[in-house]
Amino acid sequence: MRVGTSFLALFSLLLLLFLPLSSSQLLPDTGISSRTLDAILQDCAFKAFSRPKTGVPYDAQVPRNLTGVRVSAMRLRSGSLRTRGVESYKEFQIPIGVVEQPYVERLVLVYHNLGNWSEKFYPLPGYSYLAPILGLMSYSGAKLSAYELPELDIRASDNPILIKFNDVKKAPSGSVPKCVYFDLHGSVQFDILVHGNVCSTFQQGHFSIVVESNAPSPAPAAVAVAADVGGYSGKNKSKVWIIVASLVGGCILLIMLSLLVGKVRRTKQGMKIQQLEWVAESNETLHMASIGGTKAPLAVGTRTRPTIENDYIP
């Protein structure tokens, strides 16, 4: 009796300790991350295996708190995946040449379809989802009872992995749908959507089709401001040309002014020289005499008479 009571008390204690942990993992409203969701779905997928057959997908059950999410698991041999690929695994088509790192003898491919939880776990501001997020993850298949396994790194070599989306909403008029890819490190990449709602990838992760959200039509005041901005840009261009022309004209005017100042200085120096010569010539008056048909200055006499140094005359 005491043993049964002790066992019941221990079981109740373990249940109380487990419930808060499980509720924090299963309720996205409590701040669960997409990486924690991957671990939860990995555990659900591995529980779907009882006596797994190679290459056969097994759909798994998810907690009621995640109703709408679909999970599947498929166990493969590494060599078979590399040499044969997988012709069809849900929406995924895996080509020949896919390898994993690190190498394992058996691996498990886990499929995610987040359904109506797509925007909750992978919010993308400025974009709207046209299709649910689909995920493809790989884990070691050596121990199917393991939980929180690290993901393997699978990569395609020659041909990419194709994802053909079935449930796709119609894109708004004038918008261009795009493929979006979320890697395991939180990075987001966009790619071209191939005809037939097909996206391609060379590695694992989560994928979907999105379209840019329609921005609200601008108010008249905003339109006027935009027009003013356009006019203002045109005015700025004209002002730039005016400033450039002014600078060029100013440089030319400065050069011409410097040349004019130099010429004026040279003219003034020439006039001073002529004036000095005229003054020098006007200080001494010379007598003019007619020689033939011309007149020439004539000196009346010499200023200093020559003297004999001594009176010796031979």
C-alpha atoms as a PDB file:
ATOM      1  CA  MET A   1       0.000   0.000   0.000  1.00  0.00           C
ATOM      2  CA  ARG A   2       2.785   2.386   0.942  1.00  0.00           C
ATOM      3  CA  VAL A   3       4.717   1.390  -2.184  1.00  0.00           C
ATOM      4  CA  GLY A   4       1.704   2.188  -4.392  1.00  0.00           C
ATOM      5  CA  THR A   5       1.178   5.532  -2.666  1.00  0.00           C
ATOM      6  CA  SER A   6       4.864   6.434  -3.047  1.00  0.00           C
ATOM      7  CA  PHE A   7       4.815   5.487  -6.733  1.00  0.00           C
ATOM      8  CA  LEU A   8       1.687   7.567  -7.320  1.00  0.00           C
ATOM      9  CA  ALA A   9       3.233  10.574  -5.581  1.00  0.00           C
ATOM     10  CA  LEU A  10       6.438  10.239  -7.609  1.00  0.00           C
ATOM     11  CA  PHE A  11       4.468   9.956 -10.837  1.00  0.00           C
ATOM     12  CA  SER A  12       2.438  13.062  -9.983  1.00  0.00           C
ATOM     13  CA  LEU A  13       5.622  15.002  -9.223  1.00  0.00           C
ATOM     14  CA  LEU A  14       7.193  14.021 -12.510  1.00  0.00           C
ATOM     15  CA  LEU A  15       3.996  14.964 -14.348  1.00  0.00           C
ATOM     16  CA  LEU A  16       3.985  18.397 -12.723  1.00  0.00           C
ATOM     17  CA  LEU A  17       7.614  18.929 -13.683  1.00  0.00           C
ATOM     18  CA  PHE A  18       7.039  17.771 -17.250  1.00  0.00           C
ATOM     19  CA  LEU A  19       3.909  19.761 -18.024  1.00  0.00           C
ATOM     20  CA  PRO A  20       5.473  23.245 -17.820  1.00  0.00           C
ATOM     21  CA  LEU A  21       8.329  22.142 -20.050  1.00  0.00           C
ATOM     22  CA  SER A  22       6.098  20.589 -22.673  1.00  0.00           C
ATOM     23  CA  SER A  23       3.674  23.503 -22.676  1.00  0.00           C
ATOM     24  CA  SER A  24       6.528  25.982 -23.164  1.00  0.00           C
ATOM     25  CA  GLN A  25       7.735  23.901 -26.112  1.00  0.00           C
ATOM     26  CA  LEU A  26       4.401  23.447 -27.799  1.00  0.00           C
ATOM     27  CA  LEU A  27       2.869  26.880 -27.457  1.00  0.00           C
ATOM     28  CA  PRO A  28       4.248  29.379 -29.967  1.00  0.00           C
ATOM     29  CA  ASP A  29       2.651  32.213 -27.970  1.00  0.00           C
ATOM     30  CA  THR A  30       5.176  31.580 -25.193  1.00  0.00           C
ATOM     31  CA  GLY A  31       8.068  32.613 -27.457  1.00  0.00           C
ATOM     32  CA  ILE A  32       9.059  29.269 -28.991  1.00  0.00           C
ATOM     33  CA  SER A  33      11.641  29.673 -31.731  1.00  0.00           C
ATOM     34  CA  SER A  34      11.682  28.025 -35.133  1.00  0.00           C
ATOM     35  CA  ARG A  35      14.769  26.039 -34.128  1.00  0.00           C
ATOM     36  CA  THR A  36      12.981  24.647 -31.076  1.00  0.00           C
ATOM     37  CA  LEU A  37      10.081  23.727 -33.351  1.00  0.00           C
ATOM     38  CA  ASP A  38      12.520  21.762 -35.538  1.00  0.00           C
ATOM     39  CA  ALA A  39      13.583  19.738 -32.498  1.00  0.00           C
ATOM     40  CA  ILE A  40       9.965  19.040 -31.504  1.00  0.00           C
ATOM     41  CA  LEU A  41       9.054  17.933 -35.022  1.00  0.00           C
ATOM     42  CA  GLN A  42      12.157  15.749 -35.210  1.00  0.00           C
ATOM     43  CA  ASP A  43      11.015  13.930 -32.086  1.00  0.00           C
ATOM     44  CA  CYS A  44       7.507  13.496 -33.502  1.00  0.00           C
ATOM     45  CA  ALA A  45       8.896  12.200 -36.803  1.00  0.00           C
ATOM     46  CA  PHE A  46      11.157   9.627 -35.185  1.00  0.00           C
ATOM     47  CA  LYS A  47       8.254   8.335 -33.063  1.00  0.00           C
ATOM     48  CA  ALA A  48       6.432   7.432 -36.281  1.00  0.00           C
ATOM     49  CA  PHE A  49       8.952   4.638 -36.882  1.00  0.00           C
ATOM     50  CA  SER A  50       7.987   1.266 -35.483  1.00  0.00           C
ATOM     51  CA  ARG A  51       9.503  -1.126 -37.987  1.00  0.00           C
ATOM     52  CA  PRO A  52      10.620   1.330 -40.677  1.00  0.00           C
ATOM     53  CA  LYS A  53      11.219   0.251 -44.234  1.00  0.00           C
ATOM     54  CA  THR A  54      13.907   1.972 -46.236  1.00  0.00           C
ATOM     55  CA  GLY A  55      12.591   4.588 -48.647  1.00  0.00           C
ATOM     56  CA  VAL A  56       9.034   4.584 -47.269  1.00  0.00           C
ATOM     57  CA  PRO A  57       7.626   7.853 -45.807  1.00  0.00           C
ATOM     58  CA  TYR A  58       5.835   7.654 -42.458  1.00  0.00           C
ATOM     59  CA  ASP A  59       3.426  10.395 -41.431  1.00  0.00           C
ATOM     60  CA  ALA A  60       3.748  11.455 -37.800  1.00  0.00           C
ATOM     61  CA  GLN A  61       1.325  12.904 -35.289  1.00  0.00           C
ATOM     62  CA  VAL A  62       1.893  16.343 -33.803  1.00  0.00           C
ATOM     63  CA  PRO A  63       0.607  17.743 -30.487  1.00  0.00           C
ATOM     64  CA  ARG A  64      -2.872  19.204 -30.517  1.00  0.00           C
ATOM     65  CA  ASN A  65      -1.396  22.630 -29.861  1.00  0.00           C
ATOM     66  CA  LEU A  66       0.229  22.419 -33.314  1.00  0.00           C
ATOM     67  CA  THR A  67      -2.823  21.263 -35.225  1.00  0.00           C
ATOM     68  CA  GLY A  68      -2.341  22.135 -38.881  1.00  0.00           C
ATOM     69  CA  VAL A  69       1.340  21.172 -39.002  1.00  0.00           C
ATOM     70  CA  ARG A  70       2.182  18.021 -40.922  1.00  0.00           C
ATOM     71  CA  VAL A  71       5.339  15.974 -40.389  1.00  0.00           C
ATOM     72  CA  SER A  72       6.720  12.946 -42.161  1.00  0.00           C
ATOM     73  CA  ALA A  73       9.907  10.887 -41.901  1.00  0.00           C
ATOM     74  CA  MET A  74      11.716   8.638 -44.353  1.00  0.00           C
ATOM     75  CA  ARG A  75      14.769   6.514 -43.588  1.00  0.00           C
ATOM     76  CA  LEU A  76      17.375   6.019 -46.322  1.00  0.00           C
ATOM     77  CA  ARG A  77      20.789   4.526 -46.870  1.00  0.00           C
ATOM     78  CA  SER A  78      23.416   7.148 -47.559  1.00  0.00           C
ATOM     79  CA  GLY A  79      24.724   5.360 -50.632  1.00  0.00           C
ATOM     80  CA  SER A  80      21.230   4.911 -52.037  1.00  0.00           C
ATOM     81  CA  LEU A  81      20.484   8.615 -51.634  1.00  0.00           C
ATOM     82  CA  ARG A  82      23.677   9.532 -53.465  1.00  0.00           C
ATOM     83  CA  THR A  83      23.314   7.074 -56.358  1.00  0.00           C
ATOM     84  CA  ARG A  84      19.528   6.973 -56.814  1.00  0.00           C
ATOM     85  CA  GLY A  85      18.069  10.064 -55.212  1.00  0.00           C
ATOM     86  CA  VAL A  86      14.385  10.212 -54.293  1.00  0.00           C
ATOM     87  CA  GLU A  87      11.958  10.624 -57.169  1.00  0.00           C
ATOM     88  CA  SER A  88       9.151  11.978 -54.988  1.00  0.00           C
ATOM     89  CA  TYR A  89       9.018  12.727 -51.273  1.00  0.00           C
ATOM     90  CA  LYS A  90       5.882  14.785 -50.703  1.00  0.00           C
ATOM     91  CA  GLU A  91       6.549  18.045 -52.621  1.00  0.00           C
ATOM     92  CA  PHE A  92      10.307  17.390 -52.831  1.00  0.00           C
ATOM     93  CA  GLN A  93      12.180  15.780 -55.697  1.00  0.00           C
ATOM     94  CA  ILE A  94      15.743  14.828 -54.702  1.00  0.00           C
ATOM     95  CA  PRO A  95      18.186  14.235 -57.576  1.00  0.00           C
ATOM     96  CA  ILE A  96      21.171  11.934 -57.817  1.00  0.00           C
ATOM     97  CA  GLY A  97      24.359  13.183 -56.211  1.00  0.00           C
ATOM     98  CA  VAL A  98      23.094  14.455 -52.855  1.00  0.00           C
ATOM     99  CA  VAL A  99      25.647  13.864 -50.097  1.00  0.00           C
ATOM    100  CA  GLU A 100      25.622  14.538 -46.375  1.00  0.00           C
ATOM    101  CA  GLN A 101      28.201  15.846 -43.935  1.00  0.00           C
ATOM    102  CA  PRO A 102      29.252  14.245 -41.711  1.00  0.00           C
ATOM    103  CA  TYR A 103      28.888  10.898 -43.364  1.00  0.00           C
ATOM    104  CA  VAL A 104      26.444   8.407 -41.817  1.00  0.00           C
ATOM    105  CA  GLU A 105      25.422   4.969 -43.008  1.00  0.00           C
ATOM    106  CA  ARG A 106      21.700   5.686 -42.570  1.00  0.00           C
ATOM    107  CA  LEU A 107      19.937   8.994 -42.434  1.00  0.00           C
ATOM    108  CA  VAL A 108      16.383  10.210 -41.909  1.00  0.00           C
ATOM    109  CA  LEU A 109      14.782  12.924 -44.020  1.00  0.00           C
ATOM    110  CA  VAL A 110      12.133  14.817 -42.034  1.00  0.00           C
ATOM    111  CA  TYR A 111       9.459  16.697 -43.953  1.00  0.00           C
ATOM    112  CA  HIS A 112       7.656  19.768 -42.533  1.00  0.00           C
ATOM    113  CA  ASN A 113       4.479  21.462 -43.715  1.00  0.00           C
ATOM    114  CA  LEU A 114       3.773  24.330 -41.319  1.00  0.00           C
ATOM    115  CA  GLY A 115       0.380  25.144 -42.822  1.00  0.00           C
ATOM    116  CA  ASN A 116      -1.347  27.993 -40.983  1.00  0.00           C
ATOM    117  CA  TRP A 117       1.644  28.325 -38.627  1.00  0.00           C
ATOM    118  CA  SER A 118       3.949  29.549 -41.420  1.00  0.00           C
ATOM    119  CA  GLU A 119       3.716  33.267 -40.677  1.00  0.00           C
ATOM    120  CA  LYS A 120       3.881  32.602 -36.932  1.00  0.00           C
ATOM    121  CA  PHE A 121       7.224  30.815 -36.968  1.00  0.00           C
ATOM    122  CA  TYR A 122       8.707  32.563 -40.028  1.00  0.00           C
ATOM    123  CA  PRO A 123       7.428  36.155 -40.102  1.00  0.00           C
ATOM    124  CA  LEU A 124       8.538  38.077 -43.175  1.00  0.00           C
ATOM    125  CA  PRO A 125       7.713  41.806 -42.979  1.00  0.00           C
ATOM    126  CA  GLY A 126       6.736  43.352 -46.284  1.00  0.00           C
ATOM    127  CA  TYR A 127       5.733  40.022 -47.840  1.00  0.00           C
ATOM    128  CA  SER A 128       2.673  37.785 -47.902  1.00  0.00           C
ATOM    129  CA  TYR A 129       2.764  34.002 -48.143  1.00  0.00           C
ATOM    130  CA  LEU A 130       1.097  32.393 -51.149  1.00  0.00           C
ATOM    131  CA  ALA A 131       1.954  28.855 -50.005  1.00  0.00           C
ATOM    132  CA  PRO A 132       2.654  27.146 -46.689  1.00  0.00           C
ATOM    133  CA  ILE A 133       6.247  26.773 -45.597  1.00  0.00           C
ATOM    134  CA  LEU A 134       7.719  23.381 -46.484  1.00  0.00           C
ATOM    135  CA  GLY A 135      10.811  22.075 -44.755  1.00  0.00           C
ATOM    136  CA  LEU A 136      13.328  19.348 -45.459  1.00  0.00           C
ATOM    137  CA  MET A 137      15.733  18.364 -42.665  1.00  0.00           C
ATOM    138  CA  SER A 138      18.189  15.479 -42.352  1.00  0.00           C
ATOM    139  CA  TYR A 139      19.328  13.587 -39.265  1.00  0.00           C
ATOM    140  CA  SER A 140      21.360  10.529 -38.468  1.00  0.00           C
ATOM    141  CA  GLY A 141      19.248   7.366 -38.587  1.00  0.00           C
ATOM    142  CA  ALA A 142      21.508   5.260 -36.378  1.00  0.00           C
ATOM    143  CA  LYS A 143      19.363   5.725 -33.259  1.00  0.00           C
ATOM    144  CA  LEU A 144      15.667   6.316 -33.871  1.00  0.00           C
ATOM    145  CA  SER A 145      14.874   6.996 -30.206  1.00  0.00           C
ATOM    146  CA  ALA A 146      17.246   9.995 -30.012  1.00  0.00           C
ATOM    147  CA  TYR A 147      15.885  13.460 -29.310  1.00  0.00           C
ATOM    148  CA  GLU A 148      17.321  16.883 -30.232  1.00  0.00           C
ATOM    149  CA  LEU A 149      19.707  15.424 -32.769  1.00  0.00           C
ATOM    150  CA  PRO A 150      21.968  17.830 -34.655  1.00  0.00           C
ATOM    151  CA  GLU A 151      21.064  18.241 -38.308  1.00  0.00           C
ATOM    152  CA  LEU A 152      23.239  16.800 -41.028  1.00  0.00           C
ATOM    153  CA  ASP A 153      24.350  19.060 -43.849  1.00  0.00           C
ATOM    154  CA  ILE A 154      23.006  17.670 -47.107  1.00  0.00           C
ATOM    155  CA  ARG A 155      23.907  19.317 -50.415  1.00  0.00           C
ATOM    156  CA  ALA A 156      23.087  18.612 -54.038  1.00  0.00           C
ATOM    157  CA  SER A 157      25.965  18.624 -56.509  1.00  0.00           C
ATOM    158  CA  ASP A 158      24.981  18.769 -60.189  1.00  0.00           C
ATOM    159  CA  ASN A 159      21.190  19.144 -60.181  1.00  0.00           C
ATOM    160  CA  PRO A 160      19.205  21.046 -57.531  1.00  0.00           C
ATOM    161  CA  ILE A 161      16.503  19.715 -55.242  1.00  0.00           C
ATOM    162  CA  LEU A 162      13.098  20.727 -56.632  1.00  0.00           C
ATOM    163  CA  ILE A 163      10.074  21.758 -54.546  1.00  0.00           C
ATOM    164  CA  LYS A 164       6.727  21.690 -56.372  1.00  0.00           C
ATOM    165  CA  PHE A 165       4.103  23.550 -54.344  1.00  0.00           C
ATOM    166  CA  ASN A 166       0.552  22.254 -54.636  1.00  0.00           C
ATOM    167  CA  ASP A 167      -1.495  24.600 -52.454  1.00  0.00           C
ATOM    168  CA  VAL A 168      -0.658  28.055 -53.852  1.00  0.00           C
ATOM    169  CA  LYS A 169      -2.835  31.154 -53.607  1.00  0.00           C
ATOM    170  CA  LYS A 170      -3.353  33.404 -56.590  1.00  0.00           C
ATOM    171  CA  ALA A 171      -0.936  36.314 -56.669  1.00  0.00           C
ATOM    172  CA  PRO A 172      -2.410  39.844 -56.636  1.00  0.00           C
ATOM    173  CA  SER A 173      -2.595  41.606 -59.979  1.00  0.00           C
ATOM    174  CA  GLY A 174       0.679  43.233 -60.954  1.00  0.00           C
ATOM    175  CA  SER A 175       2.765  41.399 -58.345  1.00  0.00           C
ATOM    176  CA  VAL A 176       5.573  38.923 -59.027  1.00  0.00           C
ATOM    177  CA  PRO A 177       5.721  35.760 -56.850  1.00  0.00           C
ATOM    178  CA  LYS A 178       9.142  34.748 -55.545  1.00  0.00           C
ATOM    179  CA  CYS A 179      10.684  31.723 -53.899  1.00  0.00           C
ATOM    180  CA  VAL A 180      11.937  32.330 -50.383  1.00  0.00           C
ATOM    181  CA  TYR A 181      14.486  30.193 -48.569  1.00  0.00           C
ATOM    182  CA  PHE A 182      15.205  30.146 -44.819  1.00  0.00           C
ATOM    183  CA  ASP A 183      18.455  28.437 -43.864  1.00  0.00           C
ATOM    184  CA  LEU A 184      19.279  26.961 -40.462  1.00  0.00           C
ATOM    185  CA  HIS A 185      21.156  30.103 -39.381  1.00  0.00           C
ATOM    186  CA  GLY A 186      18.294  32.557 -39.845  1.00  0.00           C
ATOM    187  CA  SER A 187      19.310  33.950 -43.233  1.00  0.00           C
ATOM    188  CA  VAL A 188      16.650  34.681 -45.859  1.00  0.00           C
ATOM    189  CA  GLN A 189      17.210  34.399 -49.619  1.00  0.00           C
ATOM    190  CA  PHE A 190      14.906  35.032 -52.566  1.00  0.00           C
ATOM    191  CA  ASP A 191      14.946  33.277 -55.928  1.00  0.00           C
ATOM    192  CA  ILE A 192      12.986  33.078 -59.167  1.00  0.00           C
ATOM    193  CA  LEU A 193       9.810  30.998 -59.202  1.00  0.00           C
ATOM    194  CA  VAL A 194       9.868  28.501 -62.066  1.00  0.00           C
ATOM    195  CA  HIS A 195       6.741  27.833 -64.108  1.00  0.00           C
ATOM    196  CA  GLY A 196       4.486  25.364 -62.332  1.00  0.00           C
ATOM    197  CA  ASN A 197       5.108  26.817 -58.850  1.00  0.00           C
ATOM    198  CA  VAL A 198       8.503  25.126 -58.591  1.00  0.00           C
ATOM    199  CA  CYS A 199      11.413  26.330 -56.451  1.00  0.00           C
ATOM    200  CA  SER A 200      14.917  24.887 -56.402  1.00  0.00           C
ATOM    201  CA  THR A 201      17.643  24.584 -53.794  1.00  0.00           C
ATOM    202  CA  PHE A 202      20.995  22.898 -53.273  1.00  0.00           C
ATOM    203  CA  GLN A 203      20.669  22.479 -49.505  1.00  0.00           C
ATOM    204  CA  GLN A 204      18.128  21.775 -46.791  1.00  0.00           C
ATOM    205  CA  GLY A 205      15.982  24.330 -44.987  1.00  0.00           C
ATOM    206  CA  HIS A 206      12.483  25.810 -45.219  1.00  0.00           C
ATOM    207  CA  PHE A 207      10.872  27.097 -48.405  1.00  0.00           C
ATOM    208  CA  SER A 208       7.772  28.923 -49.556  1.00  0.00           C
ATOM    209  CA  ILE A 209       6.339  31.280 -52.189  1.00  0.00           C
ATOM    210  CA  VAL A 210       5.824  34.913 -51.263  1.00  0.00           C
ATOM    211  CA  VAL A 211       4.798  38.156 -52.865  1.00  0.00           C
ATOM    212  CA  GLU A 212       5.500  41.704 -51.794  1.00  0.00           C
ATOM    213  CA  SER A 213       2.685  43.177 -49.746  1.00  0.00           C
ATOM    214  CA  ASN A 214       0.723  45.915 -51.489  1.00  0.00           C
ATOM    215  CA  ALA A 215       1.712  49.264 -50.005  1.00  0.00           C
ATOM    216  CA  PRO A 216      -1.221  51.603 -49.175  1.00  0.00           C
ATOM    217  CA  SER A 217      -1.934  54.185 -51.857  1.00  0.00           C
ATOM    218  CA  PRO A 218      -0.326  57.517 -50.957  1.00  0.00           C
ATOM    219  CA  ALA A 219      -2.490  60.417 -49.809  1.00  0.00           C
ATOM    220  CA  PRO A 220      -2.838  63.466 -52.106  1.00  0.00           C
ATOM    221  CA  ALA A 221      -0.478  65.402 -49.852  1.00  0.00           C
ATOM    222  CA  ALA A 222       2.078  62.644 -50.199  1.00  0.00           C
ATOM    223  CA  VAL A 223       1.666  62.682 -53.977  1.00  0.00           C
ATOM    224  CA  ALA A 224       2.166  66.433 -53.961  1.00  0.00           C
ATOM    225  CA  VAL A 225       5.249  66.035 -51.861  1.00  0.00           C
ATOM    226  CA  ALA A 226       6.546  63.401 -54.275  1.00  0.00           C
ATOM    227  CA  ALA A 227       5.914  65.761 -57.177  1.00  0.00           C
ATOM    228  CA  ASP A 228       7.687  68.533 -55.333  1.00  0.00           C
ATOM    229  CA  VAL A 229      10.571  66.197 -54.696  1.00  0.00           C
ATOM    230  CA  GLY A 230      10.776  65.422 -58.399  1.00  0.00           C
ATOM    231  CA  GLY A 231      10.646  69.121 -59.276  1.00  0.00           C
ATOM    232  CA  TYR A 232      13.166  69.840 -56.606  1.00  0.00           C
ATOM    233  CA  SER A 233      15.551  67.284 -58.067  1.00  0.00           C
ATOM    234  CA  GLY A 234      15.168  68.957 -61.472  1.00  0.00           C
ATOM    235  CA  LYS A 235      15.841  72.331 -59.930  1.00  0.00           C
ATOM    236  CA  ASN A 236      18.882  70.938 -58.209  1.00  0.00           C
ATOM    237  CA  LYS A 237      20.261  69.789 -61.565  1.00  0.00           C
ATOM    238  CA  SER A 238      19.702  73.220 -63.117  1.00  0.00           C
ATOM    239  CA  LYS A 239      21.335  74.861 -60.103  1.00  0.00           C
ATOM    240  CA  VAL A 240      24.339  72.599 -60.486  1.00  0.00           C
ATOM    241  CA  TRP A 241      24.736  73.638 -64.110  1.00  0.00           C
ATOM    242  CA  ILE A 242      24.387  77.300 -63.160  1.00  0.00           C
ATOM    243  CA  ILE A 243      27.059  76.931 -60.488  1.00  0.00           C
ATOM    244  CA  VAL A 244      29.411  75.130 -62.879  1.00  0.00           C
ATOM    245  CA  ALA A 245      28.872  77.767 -65.574  1.00  0.00           C
ATOM    246  CA  SER A 246      29.455  80.534 -63.026  1.00  0.00           C
ATOM    247  CA  LEU A 247      32.707  78.940 -61.886  1.00  0.00           C
ATOM    248  CA  VAL A 248      33.962  78.537 -65.451  1.00  0.00           C
ATOM    249  CA  GLY A 249      32.952  82.087 -66.337  1.00  0.00           C
ATOM    250  CA  GLY A 250      34.576  83.424 -63.192  1.00  0.00           C
ATOM    251  CA  CYS A 251      37.837  81.645 -64.028  1.00  0.00           C
ATOM    252  CA  ILE A 252      37.819  83.041 -67.587  1.00  0.00           C
ATOM    253  CA  LEU A 253      37.060  86.557 -66.294  1.00  0.00           C
ATOM    254  CA  LEU A 254      39.869  86.289 -63.729  1.00  0.00           C
ATOM    255  CA  ILE A 255      42.344  85.250 -66.427  1.00  0.00           C
ATOM    256  CA  MET A 256      41.279  88.134 -68.685  1.00  0.00           C
ATOM    257  CA  LEU A 257      41.521  90.585 -65.802  1.00  0.00           C
ATOM    258  CA  SER A 258      45.045  89.412 -64.933  1.00  0.00           C
ATOM    259  CA  LEU A 259      46.111  89.819 -68.576  1.00  0.00           C
ATOM    260  CA  LEU A 260      44.601  93.325 -68.678  1.00  0.00           C
ATOM    261  CA  VAL A 261      46.400  94.345 -65.478  1.00  0.00           C
ATOM    262  CA  GLY A 262      49.701  93.077 -66.872  1.00  0.00           C
ATOM    263  CA  LYS A 263      49.204  95.015 -70.070  1.00  0.00           C
ATOM    264  CA  VAL A 264      48.372  98.199 -68.168  1.00  0.00           C
ATOM    265  CA  ARG A 265      51.530  97.797 -66.087  1.00  0.00           C
ATOM    266  CA  ARG A 266      53.677  97.337 -69.189  1.00  0.00           C
ATOM    267  CA  THR A 267      52.081 100.378 -70.803  1.00  0.00           C
ATOM    268  CA  LYS A 268      52.741 102.501 -67.728  1.00  0.00           C
ATOM    269  CA  GLN A 269      56.389 101.403 -67.625  1.00  0.00           C
ATOM    270  CA  GLY A 270      56.815 102.292 -71.320  1.00  0.00           C
ATOM    271  CA  MET A 271      55.277 105.718 -70.761  1.00  0.00           C
ATOM    272  CA  LYS A 272      57.619 106.379 -67.810  1.00  0.00           C
ATOM    273  CA  ILE A 273      60.663 105.477 -69.920  1.00  0.00           C
ATOM    274  CA  GLN A 274      59.531 107.793 -72.728  1.00  0.00           C
ATOM    275  CA  GLN A 275      58.949 110.603 -70.238  1.00  0.00           C
ATOM    276  CA  LEU A 276      62.409 110.178 -68.729  1.00  0.00           C
ATOM    277  CA  GLU A 277      63.982 110.263 -72.182  1.00  0.00           C
ATOM    278  CA  TRP A 278      62.038 113.403 -73.058  1.00  0.00           C
ATOM    279  CA  VAL A 279      63.136 115.128 -69.838  1.00  0.00           C
ATOM    280  CA  ALA A 280      66.761 114.178 -70.457  1.00  0.00           C
ATOM    281  CA  GLU A 281      66.630 115.578 -73.950  1.00  0.00           C
ATOM    282  CA  SER A 282      64.918 118.830 -72.917  1.00  0.00           C
ATOM    283  CA  ASN A 283      67.514 119.761 -70.211  1.00  0.00           C
ATOM    284  CA  GLU A 284      70.314 120.632 -72.753  1.00  0.00           C
ATOM    285  CA  THR A 285      69.701 122.922 -75.705  1.00  0.00           C
ATOM    286  CA  LEU A 286      71.681 122.291 -78.831  1.00  0.00           C
ATOM    287  CA  HIS A 287      72.087 124.710 -81.695  1.00  0.00           C
ATOM    288  CA  MET A 288      70.670 123.532 -84.954  1.00  0.00           C
ATOM    289  CA  ALA A 289      72.479 123.981 -88.210  1.00  0.00           C
ATOM    290  CA  SER A 290      71.473 123.296 -91.764  1.00  0.00           C
ATOM    291  CA  ILE A 291      73.639 120.789 -93.497  1.00  0.00           C
ATOM    292  CA  GLY A 292      72.507 120.256 -96.969  1.00  0.00           C
ATOM    293  CA  GLY A 293      68.782 119.761 -96.918  1.00  0.00           C
ATOM    294  CA  THR A 294      68.637 118.571 -93.277  1.00  0.00           C
ATOM    295  CA  LYS A 295      68.995 120.155 -89.899  1.00  0.00           C
ATOM    296  CA  ALA A 296      71.261 118.698 -87.259  1.00  0.00           C
ATOM    297  CA  PRO A 297      72.327 119.759 -83.751  1.00  0.00           C
ATOM    298  CA  LEU A 298      75.587 121.696 -83.721  1.00  0.00           C
ATOM    299  CA  ALA A 299      77.853 122.280 -80.751  1.00  0.00           C
ATOM    300  CA  VAL A 300      79.309 125.744 -80.563  1.00  0.00           C
ATOM    301  CA  GLY A 301      82.418 124.717 -78.748  1.00  0.00           C
ATOM    302  CA  THR A 302      83.837 122.246 -76.408  1.00  0.00           C
ATOM    303  CA  ARG A 303      83.356 122.637 -72.733  1.00  0.00           C
ATOM    304  CA  THR A 304      86.894 121.616 -71.759  1.00  0.00           C
ATOM    305  CA  ARG A 305      89.824 122.789 -73.792  1.00  0.00           C
ATOM    306  CA  PRO A 306      92.738 120.455 -74.144  1.00  0.00           C
ATOM    307  CA  THR A 307      95.954 121.458 -72.331  1.00  0.00           C
ATOM    308  CA  ILE A 308      99.545 120.382 -72.938  1.00  0.00           C
ATOM    309  CA  GLU A 309     100.974 118.515 -70.010  1.00  0.00           C
ATOM    310  CA  ASN A 310     104.380 120.320 -70.337  1.00  0.00           C
ATOM    311  CA  ASP A 311     105.821 123.197 -72.317  1.00  0.00           C
ATOM    312  CA  TYR A 312     108.563 121.182 -73.907  1.00  0.00           C
ATOM    313  CA  ILE A 313     108.555 121.666 -77.585  1.00  0.00           C
ATOM    314  CA  PRO A 314     111.257 119.927 -79.571  1.00  0.00           C
END
